Protein backbone atom coordinates (compact mmCIF):
# COMPACT_ATOMS: atom_id res chain seq x y z
CA MET A 1 25.88 4.48 6.57
CA LYS A 2 22.82 5.70 4.76
CA ILE A 3 19.90 3.45 3.98
CA ARG A 4 17.23 4.31 1.60
CA VAL A 5 13.96 2.36 0.83
CA TRP A 6 13.11 2.31 -2.89
CA GLY A 7 10.42 -0.35 -2.59
CA SER A 8 8.77 -2.03 0.50
CA ARG A 9 5.75 -3.83 -0.82
CA GLY A 10 5.62 -7.57 -0.93
CA SER A 11 4.42 -10.26 -3.32
CA LEU A 12 3.08 -7.86 -6.07
CA ALA A 13 3.57 -4.22 -6.95
CA ALA A 14 0.47 -2.27 -5.85
CA PRO A 15 0.27 1.22 -7.32
CA GLY A 16 -2.84 3.28 -6.75
CA ALA A 17 -4.53 5.96 -4.56
CA ASP A 18 -4.76 3.62 -1.46
CA THR A 19 -0.96 2.99 -1.37
CA MET A 20 0.46 6.43 -2.16
CA ARG A 21 1.86 7.11 1.30
CA TYR A 22 3.75 3.85 1.75
CA GLY A 23 4.32 3.16 -1.95
CA GLY A 24 3.59 0.35 -4.28
CA ASN A 25 6.97 -0.81 -5.56
CA THR A 26 8.38 -4.19 -4.45
CA SER A 27 11.49 -4.83 -2.38
CA CYS A 28 14.54 -2.82 -3.04
CA VAL A 29 16.81 -1.04 -0.43
CA GLU A 30 19.99 0.97 -1.09
CA VAL A 31 22.84 1.03 1.45
CA ARG A 32 25.68 3.52 1.07
CA SER A 33 28.68 4.07 3.16
CA ALA A 34 29.93 7.46 4.23
CA THR A 35 32.55 7.22 1.52
CA GLY A 36 30.05 6.24 -1.34
CA ASP A 37 30.43 2.45 -1.41
CA VAL A 38 27.14 0.95 -2.40
CA VAL A 39 25.17 -2.33 -2.03
CA VAL A 40 21.57 -2.89 -3.14
CA LEU A 41 19.28 -5.28 -1.37
CA ASP A 42 16.90 -7.15 -3.89
CA ALA A 43 15.84 -6.15 -7.34
CA GLY A 44 12.03 -5.57 -6.96
CA THR A 45 10.31 -2.97 -9.06
CA GLY A 46 11.87 -0.26 -6.84
CA ILE A 47 15.21 -0.89 -8.42
CA ARG A 48 14.17 0.89 -11.63
CA PRO A 49 14.14 4.50 -10.21
CA LEU A 50 17.37 3.58 -8.14
CA GLY A 51 18.99 2.49 -11.45
CA VAL A 52 18.09 5.89 -13.03
CA GLN A 53 19.73 7.73 -10.19
CA MET A 54 22.83 5.58 -10.24
CA ALA A 55 23.25 6.00 -13.98
CA ASP A 56 22.89 9.77 -13.53
CA GLU A 57 25.56 9.66 -10.74
CA GLY A 58 27.88 7.68 -12.85
CA VAL A 59 28.22 4.78 -10.35
CA LYS A 60 30.68 2.22 -11.78
CA ARG A 61 30.61 -0.69 -9.25
CA ILE A 62 27.52 -2.13 -7.64
CA HIS A 63 26.90 -5.15 -5.41
CA LEU A 64 23.34 -6.40 -5.70
CA LEU A 65 22.41 -8.79 -2.88
CA LEU A 66 19.35 -10.90 -3.65
CA THR A 67 17.61 -12.67 -0.87
CA HIS A 68 15.73 -15.15 -3.22
CA LEU A 69 14.39 -15.39 -6.73
CA HIS A 70 10.68 -14.87 -6.36
CA LEU A 71 9.59 -12.43 -8.88
CA ASP A 72 8.73 -9.64 -6.54
CA HIS A 73 12.41 -9.47 -5.62
CA LEU A 74 13.68 -9.94 -9.05
CA GLN A 75 11.25 -8.34 -11.50
CA GLY A 76 13.01 -5.02 -11.66
CA LEU A 77 16.37 -6.39 -12.70
CA GLY A 78 15.83 -6.18 -16.40
CA PHE A 79 14.99 -2.40 -15.95
CA PHE A 80 18.08 -1.61 -13.82
CA ARG A 81 19.75 0.89 -16.04
CA PRO A 82 23.44 0.28 -14.90
CA LEU A 83 23.15 -3.22 -16.56
CA TYR A 84 23.06 -1.60 -19.91
CA ARG A 85 26.24 0.47 -19.43
CA PRO A 86 29.49 -1.31 -20.72
CA ASP A 87 31.68 0.56 -18.15
CA VAL A 88 29.71 -0.60 -15.16
CA GLU A 89 30.75 -3.64 -12.93
CA VAL A 90 27.82 -5.42 -11.28
CA HIS A 91 28.27 -8.23 -8.83
CA ILE A 92 25.10 -10.15 -8.28
CA TRP A 93 24.88 -12.30 -5.07
CA GLY A 94 22.05 -14.79 -4.28
CA PRO A 95 21.18 -17.92 -2.37
CA PRO A 96 23.06 -21.12 -3.39
CA SER A 97 21.31 -24.13 -4.79
CA PRO A 98 22.45 -27.61 -5.13
CA VAL A 99 20.49 -28.03 -8.25
CA GLN A 100 21.25 -25.01 -10.57
CA PRO A 101 23.85 -22.16 -10.39
CA LEU A 102 22.59 -18.69 -9.73
CA VAL A 103 23.41 -17.40 -13.25
CA GLU A 104 21.12 -20.13 -14.88
CA ARG A 105 18.30 -19.46 -12.43
CA ILE A 106 18.27 -15.72 -13.18
CA ALA A 107 18.72 -16.30 -16.88
CA THR A 108 15.39 -18.29 -16.75
CA TYR A 109 13.69 -15.04 -16.07
CA MET A 110 15.84 -12.80 -18.25
CA SER A 111 15.34 -14.75 -21.59
CA PRO A 112 12.36 -15.12 -24.01
CA PRO A 113 9.49 -15.65 -23.67
CA LEU A 114 9.56 -14.02 -20.21
CA PHE A 115 11.87 -11.08 -21.12
CA PRO A 116 13.03 -9.70 -24.38
CA VAL A 117 16.74 -9.22 -23.50
CA ARG A 118 18.86 -12.14 -22.74
CA LEU A 119 21.17 -12.08 -19.58
CA ALA A 120 24.08 -12.95 -21.82
CA ASP A 121 23.48 -9.96 -24.02
CA LEU A 122 23.80 -7.27 -21.23
CA PRO A 123 26.71 -4.93 -22.09
CA SER A 124 27.81 -4.36 -18.39
CA MET A 125 30.36 -6.58 -16.61
CA VAL A 126 28.21 -8.98 -14.52
CA THR A 127 29.62 -11.52 -12.10
CA PHE A 128 27.57 -14.02 -10.12
CA HIS A 129 28.29 -15.17 -6.55
CA ASP A 130 26.69 -17.41 -3.99
CA ALA A 131 25.62 -15.40 -0.89
CA PRO A 132 28.54 -15.41 1.54
CA GLU A 133 28.30 -16.85 5.05
CA GLU A 134 31.73 -15.23 5.67
CA PRO A 135 32.08 -11.39 5.63
CA VAL A 136 32.74 -9.69 2.31
CA VAL A 137 34.35 -6.29 2.30
CA VAL A 138 33.07 -3.55 -0.16
CA GLY A 139 35.03 -0.45 0.56
CA ASP A 140 33.88 0.62 4.06
CA LEU A 141 30.97 -1.82 4.08
CA THR A 142 30.97 -5.37 5.20
CA PHE A 143 28.17 -7.84 4.51
CA ARG A 144 27.39 -11.37 5.09
CA ALA A 145 24.30 -13.73 4.62
CA SER A 146 22.59 -16.59 6.23
CA LEU A 147 19.83 -19.07 5.21
CA VAL A 148 16.40 -18.30 6.67
CA THR A 149 12.91 -19.85 6.75
CA HIS A 150 10.99 -19.14 3.51
CA LYS A 151 9.81 -20.94 0.53
CA GLY A 152 12.73 -21.97 -1.66
CA PRO A 153 16.44 -21.18 -0.95
CA THR A 154 16.30 -17.72 0.87
CA VAL A 155 18.89 -15.77 2.70
CA GLY A 156 18.92 -12.67 4.79
CA TYR A 157 21.80 -10.09 4.91
CA ARG A 158 23.61 -8.06 7.53
CA VAL A 159 25.44 -5.01 6.36
CA GLU A 160 27.81 -3.22 8.72
CA GLU A 161 30.00 -0.05 8.68
CA ASP A 162 32.02 1.44 11.55
CA GLY A 163 30.28 -0.52 14.24
CA ARG A 164 26.77 0.16 12.92
CA SER A 165 24.52 -2.59 11.39
CA VAL A 166 21.47 -3.02 9.36
CA VAL A 167 19.81 -6.42 8.87
CA TYR A 168 17.46 -7.28 5.98
CA LEU A 169 14.94 -10.07 6.36
CA PRO A 170 12.16 -9.19 3.97
CA ASP A 171 10.70 -12.74 3.56
CA HIS A 172 10.93 -14.69 6.81
CA GLU A 173 8.71 -16.97 8.90
CA PRO A 174 10.70 -17.65 12.04
CA SER A 175 7.64 -18.56 14.10
CA LEU A 176 6.75 -21.47 11.84
CA GLY A 177 6.13 -24.47 14.19
CA VAL A 178 7.63 -22.73 17.20
CA ASP A 179 6.93 -20.14 19.80
CA ILE A 180 9.65 -17.55 19.59
CA ALA A 181 9.38 -16.45 23.10
CA ASP A 182 10.07 -20.09 24.54
CA GLN A 183 12.61 -21.10 21.88
CA PRO A 184 16.38 -21.05 22.53
CA PRO A 185 17.93 -18.32 20.43
CA ASP A 186 20.25 -20.51 18.46
CA TRP A 187 17.15 -22.50 17.16
CA ILE A 188 15.45 -19.45 15.77
CA SER A 189 15.77 -18.77 12.02
CA GLY A 190 17.61 -15.48 11.51
CA TYR A 191 18.47 -14.84 15.11
CA GLU A 192 22.27 -15.03 14.75
CA LEU A 193 22.14 -12.57 11.72
CA ALA A 194 19.79 -10.08 13.50
CA ARG A 195 21.29 -10.20 17.03
CA GLY A 196 22.04 -6.69 18.22
CA ALA A 197 21.36 -4.93 15.00
CA ASP A 198 20.76 -1.19 14.99
CA ILE A 199 18.16 -1.53 12.27
CA LEU A 200 16.12 -4.60 11.44
CA LEU A 201 13.91 -4.46 8.22
CA HIS A 202 11.69 -7.49 8.63
CA ASP A 203 8.80 -9.10 6.94
CA ALA A 204 5.58 -7.94 8.46
CA GLN A 205 3.10 -9.00 5.86
CA TYR A 206 0.13 -10.16 7.88
CA GLY A 207 -1.90 -8.84 10.81
CA ASP A 208 -2.15 -11.41 13.71
CA GLU A 209 -5.73 -12.24 12.69
CA GLU A 210 -4.63 -12.91 9.09
CA TYR A 211 -1.73 -15.35 9.83
CA ASP A 212 -3.60 -18.48 10.39
CA ARG A 213 -5.03 -18.37 6.81
CA HIS A 214 -1.43 -18.04 5.47
CA ARG A 215 0.63 -20.25 7.88
CA GLY A 216 3.60 -21.75 6.08
CA TRP A 217 3.52 -19.23 3.29
CA GLY A 218 6.85 -17.92 4.36
CA HIS A 219 5.68 -14.58 5.93
CA SER A 220 5.27 -13.13 9.43
CA ALA A 221 2.51 -11.74 11.51
CA ILE A 222 2.95 -8.48 13.48
CA GLY A 223 3.14 -10.36 16.88
CA HIS A 224 5.76 -12.72 15.44
CA VAL A 225 8.01 -10.06 14.07
CA VAL A 226 7.92 -7.99 17.27
CA ALA A 227 8.64 -11.17 19.36
CA PHE A 228 11.58 -11.94 17.00
CA ALA A 229 12.97 -8.31 17.13
CA ARG A 230 12.79 -8.31 20.97
CA LYS A 231 14.45 -11.73 21.26
CA ALA A 232 17.24 -10.57 18.98
CA GLU A 233 17.62 -7.28 20.99
CA VAL A 234 17.60 -5.09 17.93
CA ALA A 235 17.55 -1.32 18.63
CA ARG A 236 14.82 -0.48 15.99
CA LEU A 237 12.37 -2.49 14.02
CA VAL A 238 11.20 -1.40 10.57
CA LEU A 239 8.20 -3.29 9.30
CA PHE A 240 8.67 -4.34 5.63
CA HIS A 241 7.17 -6.38 2.81
CA HIS A 242 3.77 -4.93 3.09
CA ASP A 243 0.91 -7.10 1.74
CA PRO A 244 -0.34 -5.67 -1.66
CA TYR A 245 -3.87 -5.89 -0.37
CA HIS A 246 -3.13 -3.59 2.66
CA THR A 247 -4.01 0.08 2.14
CA ASP A 248 -2.03 2.94 3.69
CA ASP A 249 -4.65 3.14 6.45
CA GLU A 250 -4.34 -0.52 7.19
CA LEU A 251 -0.62 -0.19 7.35
CA GLU A 252 -1.05 2.67 9.87
CA GLY A 253 -3.09 0.26 12.08
CA LEU A 254 -0.44 -2.54 11.78
CA VAL A 255 2.40 -0.31 12.95
CA ALA A 256 0.22 1.05 15.77
CA ASP A 257 -0.41 -2.66 16.81
CA ALA A 258 3.36 -3.39 16.71
CA ARG A 259 4.07 -0.37 18.87
CA GLU A 260 1.66 -1.39 21.44
CA LEU A 261 3.04 -5.00 21.53
CA TRP A 262 6.58 -3.80 21.96
CA GLY A 263 5.65 -1.20 24.62
CA GLU A 264 8.37 1.22 23.43
CA PRO A 265 6.81 3.07 20.44
CA ASP A 266 9.98 4.87 19.38
CA ARG A 267 11.66 1.63 18.44
CA VAL A 268 9.06 0.48 15.89
CA PHE A 269 8.44 2.09 12.38
CA SER A 270 6.96 1.01 9.05
CA ALA A 271 8.97 1.23 5.82
CA TRP A 272 7.81 3.48 3.04
CA GLU A 273 9.00 4.36 -0.41
CA GLY A 274 11.67 7.12 -0.01
CA MET A 275 12.35 6.45 3.77
CA THR A 276 15.88 7.19 4.68
CA ILE A 277 17.76 5.99 7.71
CA ASP A 278 21.14 7.55 8.69
CA LEU A 279 23.46 5.57 10.88
CA ASP A 280 26.66 7.08 12.33
CA ARG A 281 28.80 6.61 15.38
CA ASN A 282 26.74 8.89 17.57
CA GLU A 283 23.04 8.64 16.46
CA VAL A 284 20.45 7.00 14.32
CA SER A 285 18.03 9.21 12.26
CA LEU A 286 14.94 7.98 10.48
CA ALA A 287 12.86 10.11 8.13
CA VAL A 288 9.27 9.41 8.61
CA ILE A 289 6.01 10.20 6.78
CA PRO A 290 4.57 13.62 8.03
CA GLY A 291 1.47 13.18 9.91
CA SER A 292 1.59 9.45 10.11
CA VAL A 293 1.71 7.20 13.22
CA THR A 294 5.10 6.21 12.10
CA ARG A 295 6.30 9.48 13.36
């Protein structure tokens, strides 16, 4: 299984000189099996270049797994080139709602006056599904979802292949109202999904000193995400959903803080645009930014 980060910024795209190392595109992660099966996690602005690559490769079947419908996770959807190919089959999965089906909620964004092309006018073969609690098999990949603590209906995903697993929790506040260290595991949001994962990509939007000003906003502080990852006994933690106000240098400081808290620096990394992670039976390989503390 190969994982590639196409966007790791949270809340708002943040291009510029201060974000060039880690990137400014919002949440989008590609997961491919060894045999080429593909799922895409979220449709932030990072999905635009991914779509260009997929169109060039001639990918015909795509599963897009949306964690929730905040714009930083959906804004790139209308620019996802495979959606404009009549020979492409796209399955879009997202959190269930008792009020409105997924297709209608996404159509609110992909319609005038917010977007010039209506969802119903896309030439590709698009099918909508509620995020699955039971495993779904896509070739050699298997994925499932679980509701997690965040504003509005939100899920996280676990994707597996050949005994390896990656868990994606980009918007998550498991510490809200609880002390993770003292809480029974079954009462911690996202724990069952993340337990024992090889790779956990997790919301790490705030430094510990910033969190009190944003408590209840649906995001985690560095101390909370490290406590969660250790509680879930994940092998490696990848900090994700970087605050748009954090510069590259500030992100370097946050990953250094996380490594110090964990006490095992080689188990903590920070996501960056273009980062690749290879999972096979025998080893885990992460491509890191040359010269950075994420090495």
